[in-house]
């Protein structure tokens, strides 16, 4: 059994790369063990095939330094938050025992995305219940993070991760999905403005970075208030 520090769970292969790929890369650079759980194979996508996308996902995982990447095989476009799907996700959480779980924003234009956000929150709770799938020891992550990249219109980020050193690797990981993004001007929650997709991603990351006075960043939201031990150690200048 491989235990990880950070587990990112999303609806489709390529979602994680777009939303929080830089954070996973940065975590790996800091010596953390990371993993990805894709819930569907992307069979409803207009481009490519599930088999090709799986190969692209595996290639992207290597670029990001991800220790484990799995796909749960739920129906693309029809993911539901049910006792059955919660138990399936919970089993992976128990097996990998992450301290932190990252998932979608609670708001999104793809129907699967907000459903998965709540499914993951519920599965993290269920994973700590002894009587659910009792053959596997319970484990409940400390924290659930919602990736807000491209979704700041709904919620202000609780915090932003500095991904400056990881940003070019993030673009490399996204570039692994040639079938999806070869000549794309939009993807997932990334709304088009006429620029190539990579330029859009760079613009957004630069904006989020500016919020914490760095070059590139990725934003996250937590439902709980963040704790500070020492106000004199706070970063990000007011002026």
Protein backbone atom coordinates (compact mmCIF):
# COMPACT_ATOMS: atom_id res chain seq x y z
CA UNK A 1 0.00 0.00 0.00
CA UNK A 2 1.38 3.41 -0.99
CA UNK A 3 0.42 6.27 1.30
CA UNK A 4 0.36 9.77 -0.13
CA UNK A 5 0.35 13.29 1.28
CA UNK A 6 -1.90 14.86 -1.35
CA UNK A 7 -4.66 13.15 -3.37
CA UNK A 8 -6.32 15.10 -6.17
CA UNK A 9 -9.73 13.79 -7.28
CA UNK A 10 -11.51 15.07 -10.38
CA UNK A 11 -14.16 14.06 -12.86
CA UNK A 12 -12.06 13.61 -15.99
CA UNK A 13 -8.46 13.00 -17.07
CA UNK A 14 -6.93 16.48 -17.72
CA UNK A 15 -9.09 18.27 -15.11
CA UNK A 16 -6.39 18.04 -12.44
CA UNK A 17 -3.65 19.28 -14.78
CA UNK A 18 -5.70 22.39 -15.56
CA UNK A 19 -6.96 23.08 -12.04
CA UNK A 20 -4.09 22.25 -9.72
CA UNK A 21 -1.31 20.63 -11.73
CA UNK A 22 1.15 23.25 -10.56
CA UNK A 23 0.34 22.56 -6.92
CA UNK A 24 0.92 18.81 -7.36
CA UNK A 25 4.21 19.50 -9.12
CA UNK A 26 5.25 21.93 -6.40
CA UNK A 27 4.29 19.39 -3.73
CA UNK A 28 6.45 16.78 -5.46
CA UNK A 29 9.33 19.27 -5.59
CA UNK A 30 8.98 19.66 -1.83
CA UNK A 31 9.28 15.90 -1.32
CA UNK A 32 5.58 15.11 -0.90
CA UNK A 33 3.93 11.97 -2.28
CA UNK A 34 1.05 12.83 -4.61
CA UNK A 35 -1.72 10.89 -6.34
CA UNK A 36 -4.59 11.46 -8.76
CA UNK A 37 -7.96 9.72 -8.94
CA UNK A 38 -9.87 10.38 -12.16
CA UNK A 39 -13.49 9.34 -11.79
CA UNK A 40 -14.47 8.93 -15.47
CA UNK A 41 -12.55 7.99 -18.61
CA UNK A 42 -13.81 10.93 -20.69
CA UNK A 43 -15.79 8.81 -23.14
CA UNK A 44 -18.20 11.67 -23.86
CA UNK A 45 -15.46 14.02 -25.04
CA UNK A 46 -15.76 15.42 -28.55
CA UNK A 47 -12.11 14.60 -29.25
CA UNK A 48 -9.97 11.52 -28.85
CA UNK A 49 -10.88 8.18 -27.28
CA UNK A 50 -10.81 6.88 -23.70
CA UNK A 51 -7.82 4.65 -24.51
CA UNK A 52 -5.83 7.53 -25.96
CA UNK A 53 -6.77 9.79 -23.09
CA UNK A 54 -5.64 7.16 -20.59
CA UNK A 55 -2.22 7.07 -22.27
CA UNK A 56 -2.07 10.86 -22.20
CA UNK A 57 -3.03 10.86 -18.52
CA UNK A 58 -0.26 8.40 -17.69
CA UNK A 59 2.25 10.54 -19.57
CA UNK A 60 1.08 13.67 -17.74
CA UNK A 61 1.36 11.89 -14.39
CA UNK A 62 5.03 11.16 -15.07
CA UNK A 63 5.65 14.80 -15.93
CA UNK A 64 4.06 15.87 -12.64
CA UNK A 65 5.90 13.27 -10.56
CA UNK A 66 2.65 11.67 -9.39
CA UNK A 67 3.21 8.42 -7.49
CA UNK A 68 -0.23 6.91 -8.20
CA UNK A 69 -2.88 7.62 -10.84
CA UNK A 70 -6.08 5.60 -11.06
CA UNK A 71 -9.41 5.81 -12.87
CA UNK A 72 -12.63 4.71 -11.19
CA UNK A 73 -14.55 4.20 -14.47
CA UNK A 74 -17.69 6.11 -13.53
CA UNK A 75 -19.92 7.29 -16.42
CA UNK A 76 -18.70 10.49 -18.06
CA UNK A 77 -21.47 13.08 -17.96
CA UNK A 78 -23.45 10.95 -15.53
CA UNK A 79 -21.45 10.88 -12.31
CA UNK A 80 -23.79 10.75 -9.33
CA UNK A 81 -23.31 11.26 -5.62
CA UNK A 82 -24.80 8.02 -4.27
CA UNK A 83 -23.96 5.67 -1.40
CA UNK A 84 -22.33 3.38 -3.97
CA UNK A 85 -20.10 6.03 -5.55
CA UNK A 86 -19.22 7.47 -2.15
CA UNK A 87 -18.09 4.02 -1.00
CA UNK A 88 -15.96 3.52 -4.12
CA UNK A 89 -14.17 6.83 -3.66
CA UNK A 90 -13.87 6.25 0.09
CA UNK A 91 -12.07 2.95 -0.50
CA UNK A 92 -9.39 4.71 -2.55
CA UNK A 93 -9.05 7.36 0.15
CA UNK A 94 -8.63 4.66 2.80
CA UNK A 95 -6.04 2.84 0.74
CA UNK A 96 -3.93 5.92 -0.07
CA UNK A 97 -4.51 7.65 3.30
CA UNK A 98 -3.95 11.24 2.11
CA UNK A 99 -3.64 14.11 4.56
CA UNK A 100 -5.03 16.55 1.99
CA UNK A 101 -7.59 15.98 -0.78
CA UNK A 102 -8.01 18.43 -3.67
CA UNK A 103 -11.11 18.48 -5.84
CA UNK A 104 -13.28 20.70 -8.04
CA UNK A 105 -14.86 24.00 -7.14
CA UNK A 106 -18.37 23.71 -5.76
CA UNK A 107 -19.46 25.76 -8.79
CA UNK A 108 -18.79 24.85 -12.42
CA UNK A 109 -20.28 24.78 -15.88
CA UNK A 110 -19.68 21.07 -16.56
CA UNK A 111 -22.46 19.14 -14.76
CA UNK A 112 -19.98 16.57 -13.41
CA UNK A 113 -17.75 19.13 -11.68
CA UNK A 114 -19.94 20.46 -8.83
CA UNK A 115 -21.37 16.97 -8.31
CA UNK A 116 -17.85 15.59 -7.90
CA UNK A 117 -16.97 18.40 -5.48
CA UNK A 118 -19.73 17.30 -3.12
CA UNK A 119 -19.16 13.60 -3.82
CA UNK A 120 -15.53 13.96 -2.74
CA UNK A 121 -16.46 15.88 0.42
CA UNK A 122 -18.99 13.20 1.33
CA UNK A 123 -16.58 10.37 0.48
CA UNK A 124 -13.91 11.89 2.73
CA UNK A 125 -16.39 11.81 5.60
CA UNK A 126 -17.62 8.30 4.78
CA UNK A 127 -14.01 7.06 4.62
CA UNK A 128 -13.82 7.64 8.37
CA UNK A 129 -16.88 5.54 9.23
CA UNK A 130 -15.88 2.09 10.50
CA UNK A 131 -19.04 0.31 9.33
CA UNK A 132 -18.65 1.42 5.70
CA UNK A 133 -16.57 -1.23 3.89
CA UNK A 134 -15.21 -2.60 7.21
CA UNK A 135 -12.57 -4.78 5.52
CA UNK A 136 -10.45 -1.67 4.93
CA UNK A 137 -9.31 0.44 7.90
CA UNK A 138 -11.01 3.84 8.11
CA UNK A 139 -9.13 7.02 7.26
CA UNK A 140 -10.43 10.57 7.08
CA UNK A 141 -8.27 13.28 5.45
CA UNK A 142 -7.46 16.35 7.49
CA UNK A 143 -8.44 18.83 4.78
CA UNK A 144 -10.46 19.13 1.58
CA UNK A 145 -9.39 21.87 -0.83
CA UNK A 146 -11.51 23.14 -3.71
CA UNK A 147 -9.45 24.24 -6.72
CA UNK A 148 -10.75 27.62 -7.90
CA UNK A 149 -8.61 28.08 -11.01
CA UNK A 150 -10.72 29.88 -13.64
CA UNK A 151 -13.68 30.08 -11.19
CA UNK A 152 -12.96 33.22 -9.15
CA UNK A 153 -16.30 34.64 -10.32
CA UNK A 154 -18.03 32.49 -7.69
CA UNK A 155 -15.73 32.58 -4.65
CA UNK A 156 -12.74 34.52 -3.43
CA UNK A 157 -9.77 32.20 -2.83
CA UNK A 158 -8.95 31.30 0.77
CA UNK A 159 -5.30 31.08 -0.27
CA UNK A 160 -3.10 30.87 -3.36
CA UNK A 161 -0.18 28.48 -3.89
CA UNK A 162 2.97 29.93 -5.46
CA UNK A 163 3.57 27.69 -8.50
CA UNK A 164 6.16 29.88 -10.19
CA UNK A 165 8.83 27.17 -10.17
CA UNK A 166 6.32 24.55 -11.30
CA UNK A 167 4.44 26.49 -13.96
CA UNK A 168 6.33 25.40 -17.08
CA UNK A 169 6.02 21.76 -15.96
CA UNK A 170 2.27 22.35 -15.56
CA UNK A 171 2.09 23.49 -19.18
CA UNK A 172 4.12 20.45 -20.20
CA UNK A 173 1.65 18.16 -18.40
CA UNK A 174 -1.32 19.86 -20.08
CA UNK A 175 0.48 19.50 -23.40
CA UNK A 176 0.45 15.72 -22.95
CA UNK A 177 -3.25 15.83 -23.90
CA UNK A 178 -2.68 16.46 -27.58
CA UNK A 179 -6.02 14.85 -28.44
CA UNK A 180 -7.86 17.35 -26.25
CA UNK A 181 -5.85 20.55 -26.42
CA UNK A 182 -3.86 20.47 -29.65
CA UNK A 183 -5.40 23.64 -31.07
CA UNK A 184 -7.87 24.42 -28.29
CA UNK A 185 -8.92 27.89 -27.16
CA UNK A 186 -10.97 26.62 -24.22
CA UNK A 187 -11.09 23.59 -21.91
CA UNK A 188 -12.98 22.50 -18.81
CA UNK A 189 -13.72 25.63 -16.81
CA UNK A 190 -11.43 27.80 -18.99
CA UNK A 191 -13.62 30.25 -20.88
CA UNK A 192 -12.34 31.34 -24.32
CA UNK A 193 -11.31 34.86 -25.28
CA UNK A 194 -9.72 34.07 -28.62
CA UNK A 195 -6.21 33.37 -27.29
CA UNK A 196 -4.61 29.90 -27.47
CA UNK A 197 -5.30 27.75 -24.42
CA UNK A 198 -1.74 27.93 -23.08
CA UNK A 199 -1.86 31.73 -23.20
CA UNK A 200 -5.15 31.72 -21.32
CA UNK A 201 -3.70 29.46 -18.63
CA UNK A 202 -0.64 31.67 -18.32
CA UNK A 203 -2.79 34.82 -17.99
CA UNK A 204 -4.95 33.26 -15.27
CA UNK A 205 -1.94 31.90 -13.35
CA UNK A 206 -0.27 35.31 -13.53
CA UNK A 207 -3.42 36.94 -12.14
CA UNK A 208 -3.61 34.51 -9.22
CA UNK A 209 0.11 34.96 -8.65
CA UNK A 210 -0.35 38.72 -8.46
CA UNK A 211 -2.74 38.22 -5.53
CA UNK A 212 0.17 36.89 -3.46
CA UNK A 213 2.87 39.00 -5.15
CA UNK A 214 4.48 36.21 -7.13
CA UNK A 215 4.64 35.38 -10.84
CA UNK A 216 2.25 32.41 -11.06
CA UNK A 217 -0.28 30.96 -8.62
CA UNK A 218 -3.17 28.52 -8.20
CA UNK A 219 -6.14 29.47 -6.00
CA UNK A 220 -8.00 27.30 -3.49
CA UNK A 221 -11.08 27.62 -1.32
CA UNK A 222 -11.75 25.97 2.03
CA UNK A 223 -15.09 25.96 3.81
CA UNK A 224 -13.31 26.29 7.15
CA UNK A 225 -11.42 29.36 8.36
CA UNK A 226 -7.64 29.12 8.14
CA UNK A 227 -5.65 29.30 11.38
CA UNK A 228 -2.70 31.63 12.03
CA UNK A 229 -0.28 31.12 14.93
CA UNK A 230 1.81 34.27 14.61
CA UNK A 231 0.48 37.38 12.87
CA UNK A 232 4.00 38.79 12.71
CA UNK A 233 4.95 35.96 10.33
CA UNK A 234 2.20 36.70 7.81
CA UNK A 235 3.30 37.15 4.20
CA UNK A 236 1.93 39.21 1.23
CA UNK A 237 2.36 42.94 1.61
CA UNK A 238 -0.69 45.18 1.98
CA UNK A 239 0.93 48.07 0.10
